[in-house]
């Protein structure tokens, strides 16, 4: 249907063009240049991707809404949770881009798994939204600071000419980023600690049951 419409529009445009040339005596070469220019502008506008607004929340699906409501969250709590998680997701993506831009940052992340811990903690929060407060240090301090620190590190590290002071700042930033990466890894470990404790209890009960059955 769309193809037929375009064919009709194109035919009308061609007929109108030739009628215009005949009535005004306009130079055909000039008209063709204008047409080509218009086509290039149209293609450029059509191919341009519209950047998503990071402040706009993704659509809340019925499944996720049901999950949140089942967890006992109120509408205001759901909105706060979604806003926090949307911001956190952007920060994690930003951190990943920064790490990929520097071998030194890659080495730090390899030692502490800060990026993987961030993604894993994000997934855990999605599963257990009511535990948002348990990850407050990660959400509001450690992750934002990590992003800011890596931003500044990259900015300084990419200076074409580096002075002694520049190298000192790079080394100082590296040490602080290393400490922050370690804190993020600990944030994840502390968040899942209760799950590990529950698993230990279940394993202990299972072992006792097996022992009784074998007696």
N, C-alpha and C. Protein backbone atom coordinates (compact mmCIF):
# COMPACT_ATOMS: atom_id res chain seq x y z
N UNK A 1 0.83 -1.20 0.00
CA UNK A 1 0.00 0.00 0.00
C UNK A 1 0.86 1.25 0.00
N UNK A 2 1.89 1.27 0.89
CA UNK A 2 2.79 2.42 0.96
C UNK A 2 3.54 2.61 -0.34
N UNK A 3 3.94 1.47 -0.98
CA UNK A 3 4.69 1.55 -2.23
C UNK A 3 3.83 2.18 -3.32
N UNK A 4 2.54 1.82 -3.38
CA UNK A 4 1.64 2.38 -4.39
C UNK A 4 1.46 3.89 -4.19
N UNK A 5 1.34 4.30 -2.94
CA UNK A 5 1.18 5.73 -2.63
C UNK A 5 2.39 6.51 -3.11
N UNK A 6 3.58 5.94 -2.82
CA UNK A 6 4.81 6.62 -3.25
C UNK A 6 4.91 6.71 -4.77
N UNK A 7 4.46 5.68 -5.47
CA UNK A 7 4.50 5.70 -6.93
C UNK A 7 3.57 6.79 -7.48
N UNK A 8 2.40 6.91 -6.89
CA UNK A 8 1.45 7.94 -7.31
C UNK A 8 2.00 9.33 -7.06
N UNK A 9 2.56 9.51 -5.85
CA UNK A 9 3.14 10.81 -5.49
C UNK A 9 4.29 11.16 -6.42
N UNK A 10 5.13 10.17 -6.72
CA UNK A 10 6.28 10.39 -7.61
C UNK A 10 5.81 10.78 -9.01
N UNK A 11 4.77 10.09 -9.50
CA UNK A 11 4.25 10.39 -10.84
C UNK A 11 3.69 11.81 -10.90
N UNK A 12 2.95 12.19 -9.87
CA UNK A 12 2.39 13.55 -9.82
C UNK A 12 3.51 14.59 -9.79
N UNK A 13 4.57 14.29 -9.02
CA UNK A 13 5.69 15.21 -8.89
C UNK A 13 6.39 15.40 -10.24
N UNK A 14 6.59 14.28 -10.96
CA UNK A 14 7.26 14.35 -12.27
C UNK A 14 6.43 15.16 -13.26
N UNK A 15 5.11 14.90 -13.28
CA UNK A 15 4.21 15.64 -14.20
C UNK A 15 4.22 17.12 -13.87
N UNK A 16 4.15 17.43 -12.57
CA UNK A 16 4.16 18.83 -12.13
C UNK A 16 5.46 19.51 -12.51
N UNK A 17 6.57 18.74 -12.37
CA UNK A 17 7.88 19.30 -12.69
C UNK A 17 7.97 19.68 -14.17
N UNK A 18 7.56 18.76 -15.03
CA UNK A 18 7.64 19.05 -16.46
C UNK A 18 6.69 20.18 -16.87
N UNK A 19 5.54 20.26 -16.23
CA UNK A 19 4.61 21.35 -16.51
C UNK A 19 5.22 22.69 -16.10
N UNK A 20 5.94 22.64 -14.93
CA UNK A 20 6.59 23.87 -14.45
C UNK A 20 7.69 24.31 -15.41
N UNK A 21 8.48 23.35 -15.89
CA UNK A 21 9.58 23.68 -16.81
C UNK A 21 9.02 24.26 -18.11
N UNK A 22 7.94 23.64 -18.62
CA UNK A 22 7.36 24.09 -19.88
C UNK A 22 6.79 25.50 -19.78
N UNK A 23 6.16 25.80 -18.64
CA UNK A 23 5.49 27.09 -18.50
C UNK A 23 6.44 28.23 -18.17
N UNK A 24 7.55 27.92 -17.49
CA UNK A 24 8.47 28.99 -17.04
C UNK A 24 9.75 29.05 -17.87
N UNK A 25 10.05 27.97 -18.59
CA UNK A 25 11.28 27.97 -19.37
C UNK A 25 12.52 27.83 -18.52
N UNK A 26 12.36 27.28 -17.33
CA UNK A 26 13.49 27.09 -16.42
C UNK A 26 14.48 26.08 -16.99
N UNK A 27 15.78 26.35 -16.74
CA UNK A 27 16.83 25.45 -17.23
C UNK A 27 16.68 24.08 -16.58
N UNK A 28 16.67 23.02 -17.40
CA UNK A 28 16.48 21.65 -16.91
C UNK A 28 17.59 21.22 -15.97
N UNK A 29 18.84 21.62 -16.26
CA UNK A 29 19.98 21.24 -15.43
C UNK A 29 19.83 21.81 -14.01
N UNK A 30 19.39 23.06 -13.92
CA UNK A 30 19.19 23.70 -12.61
C UNK A 30 18.13 22.98 -11.80
N UNK A 31 17.04 22.60 -12.49
CA UNK A 31 15.95 21.90 -11.82
C UNK A 31 16.43 20.55 -11.30
N UNK A 32 17.21 19.83 -12.12
CA UNK A 32 17.73 18.53 -11.70
C UNK A 32 18.62 18.65 -10.48
N UNK A 33 19.45 19.70 -10.44
CA UNK A 33 20.31 19.93 -9.27
C UNK A 33 19.48 20.12 -8.01
N UNK A 34 18.40 20.89 -8.15
CA UNK A 34 17.52 21.12 -7.00
C UNK A 34 16.86 19.83 -6.53
N UNK A 35 16.46 19.00 -7.50
CA UNK A 35 15.82 17.73 -7.16
C UNK A 35 16.79 16.82 -6.42
N UNK A 36 18.02 16.71 -6.96
CA UNK A 36 19.04 15.86 -6.33
C UNK A 36 19.33 16.35 -4.91
N UNK A 37 19.43 17.68 -4.77
CA UNK A 37 19.69 18.24 -3.44
C UNK A 37 18.58 17.92 -2.47
N UNK A 38 17.33 18.04 -2.94
CA UNK A 38 16.18 17.74 -2.08
C UNK A 38 16.16 16.26 -1.67
N UNK A 39 16.52 15.38 -2.63
CA UNK A 39 16.55 13.94 -2.33
C UNK A 39 17.61 13.63 -1.27
N UNK A 40 18.79 14.24 -1.40
CA UNK A 40 19.87 14.00 -0.43
C UNK A 40 19.48 14.48 0.96
N UNK A 41 18.83 15.64 1.02
CA UNK A 41 18.38 16.16 2.32
C UNK A 41 17.35 15.22 2.94
N UNK A 42 16.42 14.71 2.10
CA UNK A 42 15.39 13.79 2.59
C UNK A 42 16.00 12.50 3.13
N UNK A 43 16.98 11.96 2.37
CA UNK A 43 17.64 10.72 2.81
C UNK A 43 18.39 10.94 4.12
N UNK A 44 19.04 12.12 4.22
CA UNK A 44 19.78 12.43 5.44
C UNK A 44 18.87 12.53 6.65
N UNK A 45 17.72 13.17 6.48
CA UNK A 45 16.78 13.31 7.59
C UNK A 45 16.15 11.97 7.96
N UNK A 46 15.87 11.16 6.94
CA UNK A 46 15.25 9.86 7.18
C UNK A 46 16.20 8.91 7.90
N UNK A 47 17.51 9.02 7.55
CA UNK A 47 18.49 8.11 8.14
C UNK A 47 18.98 8.53 9.51
N UNK A 48 18.64 9.75 9.91
CA UNK A 48 19.11 10.25 11.20
C UNK A 48 18.37 9.57 12.33
N UNK A 49 19.11 9.03 13.28
CA UNK A 49 18.51 8.33 14.41
C UNK A 49 18.19 9.34 15.51
N UNK A 50 17.00 9.20 16.05
CA UNK A 50 16.59 10.07 17.15
C UNK A 50 17.13 9.48 18.45
N UNK A 51 17.91 10.27 19.18
CA UNK A 51 18.50 9.80 20.42
C UNK A 51 17.43 9.71 21.50
N UNK A 52 17.46 8.60 22.22
CA UNK A 52 16.49 8.41 23.29
C UNK A 52 16.81 9.32 24.46
N UNK A 53 15.78 9.85 25.06
CA UNK A 53 15.95 10.70 26.23
C UNK A 53 16.20 9.81 27.44
N UNK A 54 17.38 9.91 28.07
CA UNK A 54 17.70 9.02 29.18
C UNK A 54 16.81 9.22 30.39
N UNK A 55 16.13 10.40 30.47
CA UNK A 55 15.27 10.68 31.61
C UNK A 55 13.88 10.07 31.47
N UNK A 56 13.56 9.59 30.27
CA UNK A 56 12.26 8.98 30.04
C UNK A 56 12.29 7.52 30.46
N UNK A 57 11.39 7.14 31.35
CA UNK A 57 11.36 5.76 31.83
C UNK A 57 10.82 4.83 30.75
N UNK A 58 11.35 3.61 30.69
CA UNK A 58 10.80 2.63 29.74
C UNK A 58 9.37 2.27 30.13
N UNK A 59 8.63 1.73 29.18
CA UNK A 59 7.23 1.38 29.44
C UNK A 59 7.16 0.27 30.50
N UNK A 60 6.27 0.46 31.46
CA UNK A 60 6.09 -0.54 32.52
C UNK A 60 5.16 -1.64 32.00
N UNK A 61 5.72 -2.83 31.86
CA UNK A 61 4.92 -3.96 31.36
C UNK A 61 3.99 -4.48 32.47
N UNK A 62 2.97 -5.18 32.05
CA UNK A 62 2.01 -5.75 33.00
C UNK A 62 2.69 -6.76 33.92
N UNK A 63 3.65 -7.51 33.35
CA UNK A 63 4.35 -8.53 34.14
C UNK A 63 5.18 -7.89 35.26
N UNK A 64 5.91 -6.82 34.91
CA UNK A 64 6.73 -6.15 35.93
C UNK A 64 5.86 -5.46 36.98
N UNK A 65 4.77 -4.85 36.51
CA UNK A 65 3.87 -4.18 37.45
C UNK A 65 3.30 -5.19 38.44
N UNK A 66 2.91 -6.36 37.93
CA UNK A 66 2.38 -7.41 38.80
C UNK A 66 3.44 -7.88 39.79
N UNK A 67 4.69 -7.97 39.30
CA UNK A 67 5.80 -8.40 40.16
C UNK A 67 6.01 -7.41 41.30
N UNK A 68 5.98 -6.11 40.98
CA UNK A 68 6.17 -5.08 42.00
C UNK A 68 5.02 -5.08 43.00
N UNK A 69 3.80 -5.17 42.50
CA UNK A 69 2.63 -5.17 43.38
C UNK A 69 2.62 -6.39 44.28
N UNK A 70 3.04 -7.53 43.73
CA UNK A 70 3.10 -8.77 44.51
C UNK A 70 4.13 -8.64 45.64
N UNK A 71 5.15 -7.81 45.40
CA UNK A 71 6.18 -7.60 46.42
C UNK A 71 5.69 -6.68 47.53
N UNK A 72 4.49 -6.11 47.35
CA UNK A 72 3.92 -5.25 48.38
C UNK A 72 4.27 -3.78 48.22
N UNK A 73 4.71 -3.38 47.03
CA UNK A 73 5.11 -1.99 46.80
C UNK A 73 3.90 -1.13 46.43
N UNK A 74 3.90 0.11 46.91
CA UNK A 74 2.85 1.06 46.56
C UNK A 74 3.21 1.72 45.22
N UNK A 75 2.25 2.38 44.57
CA UNK A 75 2.54 3.06 43.29
C UNK A 75 3.70 4.05 43.39
N UNK A 76 3.78 4.81 44.50
CA UNK A 76 4.88 5.77 44.65
C UNK A 76 6.22 5.07 44.82
N UNK A 77 6.21 3.94 45.51
CA UNK A 77 7.44 3.16 45.69
C UNK A 77 7.89 2.56 44.37
N UNK A 78 6.93 2.13 43.57
CA UNK A 78 7.25 1.57 42.26
C UNK A 78 7.89 2.64 41.38
N UNK A 79 7.32 3.84 41.41
CA UNK A 79 7.86 4.94 40.60
C UNK A 79 9.28 5.30 41.03
N UNK A 80 9.51 5.39 42.34
CA UNK A 80 10.85 5.69 42.87
C UNK A 80 11.83 4.60 42.46
N UNK A 81 11.40 3.36 42.59
CA UNK A 81 12.27 2.23 42.24
C UNK A 81 12.66 2.28 40.77
N UNK A 82 11.69 2.52 39.90
CA UNK A 82 11.95 2.55 38.46
C UNK A 82 12.86 3.71 38.08
N UNK A 83 12.67 4.86 38.69
CA UNK A 83 13.54 6.02 38.42
C UNK A 83 14.97 5.73 38.86
N UNK A 84 15.10 5.12 40.04
CA UNK A 84 16.43 4.79 40.57
C UNK A 84 17.13 3.77 39.68
N UNK A 85 16.40 2.75 39.26
CA UNK A 85 16.98 1.69 38.45
C UNK A 85 17.32 2.19 37.04
N UNK A 86 16.51 3.09 36.52
CA UNK A 86 16.80 3.67 35.20
C UNK A 86 18.10 4.46 35.24
N UNK A 87 18.28 5.23 36.29
CA UNK A 87 19.51 6.00 36.46
C UNK A 87 20.71 5.07 36.67
N UNK A 88 20.50 4.03 37.46
CA UNK A 88 21.58 3.07 37.73
C UNK A 88 22.01 2.35 36.45
N UNK A 89 21.04 1.98 35.63
CA UNK A 89 21.35 1.31 34.37
C UNK A 89 22.21 2.21 33.48
N UNK A 90 21.87 3.48 33.40
CA UNK A 90 22.65 4.43 32.60
C UNK A 90 24.07 4.56 33.14
N UNK A 91 24.21 4.58 34.46
CA UNK A 91 25.53 4.70 35.07
C UNK A 91 26.38 3.46 34.80
N UNK A 92 25.77 2.29 34.86
CA UNK A 92 26.50 1.05 34.58
C UNK A 92 26.97 1.03 33.12
N UNK A 93 26.10 1.43 32.21
CA UNK A 93 26.46 1.49 30.79
C UNK A 93 27.58 2.50 30.55
N UNK A 94 27.51 3.63 31.24
CA UNK A 94 28.55 4.66 31.14
C UNK A 94 29.88 4.12 31.66
N UNK A 95 29.83 3.43 32.80
CA UNK A 95 31.03 2.84 33.38
C UNK A 95 31.65 1.82 32.43
N UNK A 96 30.84 1.02 31.80
CA UNK A 96 31.34 0.01 30.86
C UNK A 96 32.07 0.67 29.69
N UNK A 97 31.52 1.76 29.17
CA UNK A 97 32.16 2.49 28.08
C UNK A 97 33.51 3.05 28.53
N UNK A 98 33.56 3.60 29.74
CA UNK A 98 34.82 4.15 30.25
C UNK A 98 35.88 3.07 30.41
N UNK A 99 35.47 1.93 30.95
CA UNK A 99 36.42 0.82 31.15
C UNK A 99 36.98 0.34 29.82
N UNK A 100 36.13 0.27 28.82
CA UNK A 100 36.57 -0.19 27.50
C UNK A 100 37.52 0.78 26.81
N UNK A 101 37.58 2.02 27.29
CA UNK A 101 38.45 3.03 26.67
C UNK A 101 39.86 3.04 27.26
N UNK A 102 40.10 2.28 28.32
CA UNK A 102 41.41 2.34 28.97
C UNK A 102 41.87 0.95 29.41
N UNK A 103 43.08 0.57 29.03
CA UNK A 103 43.64 -0.71 29.45
C UNK A 103 43.87 -0.75 30.95
N UNK A 104 44.21 0.40 31.52
CA UNK A 104 44.45 0.46 32.97
C UNK A 104 43.15 0.22 33.73
N UNK A 105 42.05 0.81 33.24
CA UNK A 105 40.75 0.58 33.88
C UNK A 105 40.29 -0.86 33.68
N UNK A 106 40.62 -1.43 32.53
CA UNK A 106 40.28 -2.84 32.28
C UNK A 106 41.00 -3.74 33.28
N UNK A 107 42.26 -3.40 33.55
CA UNK A 107 43.05 -4.22 34.49
C UNK A 107 42.47 -4.13 35.90
N UNK A 108 42.05 -2.94 36.29
CA UNK A 108 41.43 -2.77 37.62
C UNK A 108 40.14 -3.57 37.71
N UNK A 109 39.34 -3.49 36.65
CA UNK A 109 38.07 -4.22 36.66
C UNK A 109 38.29 -5.71 36.65
N UNK A 110 39.34 -6.15 36.00
CA UNK A 110 39.67 -7.58 35.96
C UNK A 110 40.02 -8.09 37.36
N UNK A 111 40.67 -7.23 38.15
CA UNK A 111 41.07 -7.63 39.51
C UNK A 111 39.88 -7.69 40.46
N UNK A 112 38.92 -6.78 40.28
CA UNK A 112 37.83 -6.66 41.26
C UNK A 112 36.46 -7.04 40.73
N UNK A 113 36.31 -7.16 39.40
CA UNK A 113 35.01 -7.50 38.80
C UNK A 113 33.93 -6.50 39.18
N UNK A 114 34.30 -5.23 39.24
CA UNK A 114 33.34 -4.19 39.65
C UNK A 114 32.17 -4.07 38.68
N UNK A 115 32.47 -4.15 37.39
CA UNK A 115 31.41 -4.02 36.39
C UNK A 115 30.45 -5.21 36.46
N UNK A 116 31.01 -6.39 36.56
CA UNK A 116 30.16 -7.59 36.64
C UNK A 116 29.35 -7.60 37.93
N UNK A 117 29.97 -7.13 39.02
CA UNK A 117 29.27 -7.03 40.30
C UNK A 117 28.12 -6.03 40.21
N UNK A 118 28.36 -4.92 39.49
CA UNK A 118 27.32 -3.90 39.32
C UNK A 118 26.12 -4.46 38.56
N UNK A 119 26.41 -5.17 37.48
CA UNK A 119 25.33 -5.76 36.68
C UNK A 119 24.58 -6.83 37.46
N UNK A 120 25.33 -7.63 38.23
CA UNK A 120 24.71 -8.70 39.01
C UNK A 120 23.82 -8.12 40.12
N UNK A 121 24.30 -7.06 40.75
CA UNK A 121 23.53 -6.41 41.82
C UNK A 121 22.27 -5.77 41.24
N UNK A 122 22.38 -5.21 40.06
CA UNK A 122 21.23 -4.64 39.36
C UNK A 122 20.15 -5.71 39.15
N UNK A 123 20.58 -6.88 38.69
CA UNK A 123 19.64 -7.98 38.44
C UNK A 123 18.99 -8.46 39.74
N UNK A 124 19.78 -8.50 40.80
CA UNK A 124 19.24 -8.92 42.09
C UNK A 124 18.17 -7.95 42.59
N UNK A 125 18.41 -6.66 42.37
CA UNK A 125 17.44 -5.65 42.78
C UNK A 125 16.14 -5.76 41.98
N UNK A 126 16.27 -6.08 40.70
CA UNK A 126 15.08 -6.27 39.88
C UNK A 126 14.24 -7.44 40.42
N UNK A 127 14.92 -8.48 40.89
CA UNK A 127 14.21 -9.63 41.43
C UNK A 127 13.61 -9.33 42.81
N UNK A 128 14.33 -8.50 43.60
CA UNK A 128 13.88 -8.18 44.94
C UNK A 128 13.82 -6.66 45.13
N UNK A 129 12.84 -6.00 44.54
CA UNK A 129 12.78 -4.53 44.56
C UNK A 129 12.61 -3.92 45.95
N UNK A 130 12.06 -4.68 46.89
CA UNK A 130 11.86 -4.13 48.23
C UNK A 130 13.17 -4.02 49.01
N UNK A 131 14.25 -4.58 48.46
CA UNK A 131 15.55 -4.51 49.14
C UNK A 131 16.40 -3.36 48.60
N UNK A 132 15.75 -2.36 48.00
CA UNK A 132 16.47 -1.22 47.44
C UNK A 132 17.33 -0.53 48.49
N UNK A 133 16.79 -0.41 49.70
CA UNK A 133 17.53 0.28 50.77
C UNK A 133 18.82 -0.45 51.14
N UNK A 134 18.85 -1.77 50.92
CA UNK A 134 20.04 -2.55 51.27
C UNK A 134 21.21 -2.27 50.34
N UNK A 135 20.93 -1.64 49.21
CA UNK A 135 21.99 -1.33 48.23
C UNK A 135 22.22 0.18 48.13
N UNK A 136 21.86 0.92 49.17
CA UNK A 136 21.94 2.38 49.12
C UNK A 136 23.36 2.89 48.89
N UNK A 137 24.35 2.26 49.53
CA UNK A 137 25.75 2.70 49.35
C UNK A 137 26.18 2.53 47.89
N UNK A 138 25.81 1.42 47.31
CA UNK A 138 26.13 1.15 45.92
C UNK A 138 25.41 2.13 44.98
N UNK A 139 24.12 2.32 45.18
CA UNK A 139 23.30 3.12 44.27
C UNK A 139 23.60 4.60 44.32
N UNK A 140 23.82 5.11 45.53
CA UNK A 140 23.90 6.57 45.69
C UNK A 140 25.31 7.11 45.97
N UNK A 141 26.25 6.21 46.23
CA UNK A 141 27.61 6.67 46.54
C UNK A 141 28.67 6.00 45.67
N UNK A 142 28.80 4.69 45.81
CA UNK A 142 29.92 4.00 45.18
C UNK A 142 29.86 4.00 43.65
N UNK A 143 28.72 3.63 43.08
CA UNK A 143 28.61 3.60 41.62
C UNK A 143 28.72 4.99 41.01
N UNK A 144 27.97 6.00 41.50
CA UNK A 144 28.13 7.36 40.94
C UNK A 144 29.56 7.89 41.04
N UNK A 145 30.20 7.63 42.19
CA UNK A 145 31.59 8.08 42.36
C UNK A 145 32.52 7.37 41.39
N UNK A 146 32.28 6.09 41.17
CA UNK A 146 33.10 5.31 40.24
C UNK A 146 32.99 5.89 38.83
N UNK A 147 31.79 6.25 38.43
CA UNK A 147 31.58 6.83 37.11
C UNK A 147 32.30 8.17 37.00
N UNK A 148 32.16 9.02 38.01
CA UNK A 148 32.81 10.34 37.99
C UNK A 148 34.34 10.20 37.96
N UNK A 149 34.85 9.29 38.77
CA UNK A 149 36.30 9.10 38.84
C UNK A 149 36.87 8.60 37.51
N UNK A 150 36.18 7.65 36.89
CA UNK A 150 36.67 7.13 35.60
C UNK A 150 36.54 8.18 34.50
N UNK A 151 35.52 9.03 34.59
CA UNK A 151 35.38 10.14 33.64
C UNK A 151 36.60 11.05 33.70
N UNK A 152 36.95 11.44 34.92
CA UNK A 152 38.08 12.36 35.13
C UNK A 152 39.41 11.69 34.76
N UNK A 153 39.51 10.39 35.08
CA UNK A 153 40.73 9.65 34.75
C UNK A 153 40.95 9.65 33.24
N UNK A 154 39.91 9.35 32.48
CA UNK A 154 40.02 9.30 31.02
C UNK A 154 40.36 10.67 30.46
N UNK A 155 39.74 11.70 31.01
CA UNK A 155 39.99 13.06 30.53
C UNK A 155 41.47 13.43 30.70
N UNK A 156 42.02 13.11 31.87
CA UNK A 156 43.43 13.43 32.14
C UNK A 156 44.36 12.51 31.35
N UNK A 157 44.01 11.23 31.30
CA UNK A 157 44.86 10.25 30.64
C UNK A 157 44.98 10.48 29.13
N UNK A 158 43.99 11.15 28.54
CA UNK A 158 44.00 11.39 27.11
C UNK A 158 44.66 12.71 26.72
N UNK A 159 45.25 13.41 27.69
CA UNK A 159 46.02 14.61 27.36
C UNK A 159 47.20 14.22 26.47
N UNK A 160 47.40 14.93 25.39
CA UNK A 160 48.48 14.60 24.46
C UNK A 160 49.85 14.83 25.10
N UNK A 161 49.97 15.91 25.86
CA UNK A 161 51.23 16.22 26.53
C UNK A 161 51.00 16.10 28.04
N UNK A 162 51.76 15.23 28.69
CA UNK A 162 51.58 14.98 30.11
C UNK A 162 52.80 15.48 30.89
N UNK A 163 52.53 16.23 31.92
CA UNK A 163 53.59 16.71 32.79
C UNK A 163 53.77 15.73 33.95
N UNK A 164 54.74 16.01 34.79
CA UNK A 164 54.95 15.15 35.97
C UNK A 164 53.72 15.18 36.87
N UNK A 165 53.13 16.36 36.99
CA UNK A 165 51.92 16.50 37.81
C UNK A 165 50.77 15.67 37.23
N UNK A 166 50.68 15.62 35.92
CA UNK A 166 49.63 14.85 35.26
C UNK A 166 49.77 13.37 35.59
N UNK A 167 50.99 12.86 35.50
CA UNK A 167 51.22 11.44 35.82
C UNK A 167 50.91 11.15 37.29
N UNK A 168 51.21 12.11 38.16
CA UNK A 168 50.90 11.93 39.57
C UNK A 168 49.39 11.85 39.80
N UNK A 169 48.66 12.71 39.08
CA UNK A 169 47.20 12.70 39.19
C UNK A 169 46.61 11.39 38.65
N UNK A 170 47.19 10.91 37.57
CA UNK A 170 46.73 9.63 36.99
C UNK A 170 46.94 8.50 37.98
N UNK A 171 48.11 8.50 38.63
CA UNK A 171 48.42 7.45 39.60
C UNK A 171 47.50 7.54 40.81
N UNK A 172 47.25 8.76 41.28
CA UNK A 172 46.35 8.96 42.42
C UNK A 172 44.92 8.52 42.07
N UNK A 173 44.47 8.88 40.87
CA UNK A 173 43.12 8.49 40.42
C UNK A 173 43.01 6.98 40.32
N UNK A 174 44.07 6.34 39.83
CA UNK A 174 44.07 4.88 39.69
C UNK A 174 43.89 4.20 41.04
N UNK A 175 44.59 4.70 42.04
CA UNK A 175 44.50 4.11 43.38
C UNK A 175 43.09 4.25 43.98
N UNK A 176 42.50 5.42 43.79
CA UNK A 176 41.15 5.66 44.33
C UNK A 176 40.11 4.81 43.57
N UNK A 177 40.27 4.72 42.25
CA UNK A 177 39.36 3.90 41.45
C UNK A 177 39.47 2.43 41.88
N UNK A 178 40.69 1.99 42.18
CA UNK A 178 40.91 0.61 42.64
C UNK A 178 40.13 0.37 43.94
N UNK A 179 40.21 1.33 44.86
CA UNK A 179 39.50 1.21 46.14
C UNK A 179 37.98 1.20 45.93
N UNK A 180 37.51 2.06 45.02
CA UNK A 180 36.08 2.13 44.76
C UNK A 180 35.57 0.85 44.10
N UNK A 181 36.38 0.28 43.22
CA UNK A 181 36.02 -0.98 42.57
C UNK A 181 35.89 -2.10 43.61
N UNK A 182 36.78 -2.08 44.58
CA UNK A 182 36.73 -3.08 45.65
C UNK A 182 35.47 -2.91 46.49
N UNK A 183 35.06 -1.67 46.74
CA UNK A 183 33.85 -1.41 47.52
C UNK A 183 32.60 -1.90 46.78
N UNK A 184 32.58 -1.71 45.46
CA UNK A 184 31.43 -2.16 44.67
C UNK A 184 31.32 -3.69 44.71
N UNK A 185 32.47 -4.37 44.63
CA UNK A 185 32.47 -5.83 44.73
C UNK A 185 31.93 -6.28 46.10
N UNK A 186 32.31 -5.53 47.14
CA UNK A 186 31.83 -5.86 48.49
C UNK A 186 30.33 -5.58 48.63
N UNK A 187 29.87 -4.53 47.95
CA UNK A 187 28.43 -4.22 47.97
C UNK A 187 27.61 -5.41 47.49
N UNK A 188 28.09 -6.02 46.42
CA UNK A 188 27.36 -7.18 45.88
C UNK A 188 27.42 -8.37 46.85
N UNK A 189 28.61 -8.61 47.39
CA UNK A 189 28.77 -9.74 48.31
C UNK A 189 27.88 -9.58 49.54
N UNK A 190 27.79 -8.36 50.06
CA UNK A 190 26.94 -8.11 51.23
C UNK A 190 25.47 -8.25 50.89
N UNK A 191 25.11 -7.85 49.66
CA UNK A 191 23.70 -7.91 49.27
C UNK A 191 23.22 -9.35 49.18
N UNK A 192 24.06 -10.25 48.69
CA UNK A 192 23.65 -11.65 48.53
C UNK A 192 24.02 -12.50 49.75
N UNK A 193 24.59 -11.87 50.78
CA UNK A 193 25.03 -12.62 51.96
C UNK A 193 23.86 -13.35 52.62
N UNK A 194 22.69 -12.70 52.68
CA UNK A 194 21.52 -13.34 53.29
C UNK A 194 21.11 -14.59 52.51
N UNK A 195 21.21 -14.51 51.18
CA UNK A 195 20.88 -15.67 50.36
C UNK A 195 21.83 -16.83 50.65
N UNK A 196 23.10 -16.49 50.84
CA UNK A 196 24.09 -17.54 51.14
C UNK A 196 23.83 -18.15 52.51
N UNK A 197 23.43 -17.29 53.46
CA UNK A 197 23.11 -17.80 54.80
C UNK A 197 21.90 -18.74 54.74
N UNK A 198 20.90 -18.34 53.97
CA UNK A 198 19.70 -19.19 53.81
C UNK A 198 20.08 -20.52 53.17
N UNK A 199 21.00 -20.47 52.20
CA UNK A 199 21.45 -21.70 51.54
C UNK A 199 22.18 -22.60 52.52
N UNK A 200 23.02 -22.02 53.39
CA UNK A 200 23.74 -22.80 54.39
C UNK A 200 22.76 -23.51 55.33
N UNK A 201 21.70 -22.78 55.71
CA UNK A 201 20.69 -23.37 56.60
C UNK A 201 19.98 -24.53 55.91
N UNK A 202 19.61 -24.33 54.65
CA UNK A 202 18.92 -25.37 53.89
C UNK A 202 19.82 -26.61 53.71
N UNK A 203 21.10 -26.35 53.43
CA UNK A 203 22.04 -27.46 53.27
C UNK A 203 22.21 -28.22 54.58
N UNK A 204 22.25 -27.48 55.69
CA UNK A 204 22.41 -28.11 57.00
C UNK A 204 21.21 -28.98 57.34
N UNK A 205 20.00 -28.46 57.05
CA UNK A 205 18.77 -29.23 57.30
C UNK A 205 18.74 -30.49 56.42
N UNK A 206 19.14 -30.31 55.16
CA UNK A 206 19.14 -31.45 54.24
C UNK A 206 20.12 -32.52 54.70
N UNK A 207 21.29 -32.11 55.17
CA UNK A 207 22.30 -33.06 55.64
C UNK A 207 21.78 -33.83 56.86
N UNK A 208 21.12 -33.09 57.77
CA UNK A 208 20.57 -33.76 58.97
C UNK A 208 19.50 -34.77 58.58
N UNK A 209 18.68 -34.38 57.58
CA UNK A 209 17.61 -35.29 57.14
C UNK A 209 18.20 -36.55 56.53
N UNK A 210 19.24 -36.38 55.71
CA UNK A 210 19.91 -37.52 55.08
C UNK A 210 20.54 -38.43 56.13
N UNK A 211 21.13 -37.80 57.16
CA UNK A 211 21.78 -38.58 58.22
C UNK A 211 20.76 -39.42 58.98
N UNK A 212 19.56 -38.81 59.27
CA UNK A 212 18.52 -39.54 59.99
C UNK A 212 18.00 -40.71 59.15
N UNK A 213 17.85 -40.47 57.87
CA UNK A 213 17.33 -41.53 56.98
C UNK A 213 18.30 -42.71 56.88
N UNK A 214 19.59 -42.44 57.02
CA UNK A 214 20.59 -43.49 56.89
C UNK A 214 20.83 -44.25 58.19
N UNK A 215 20.29 -43.72 59.30
CA UNK A 215 20.51 -44.39 60.58
C UNK A 215 19.56 -45.56 60.77
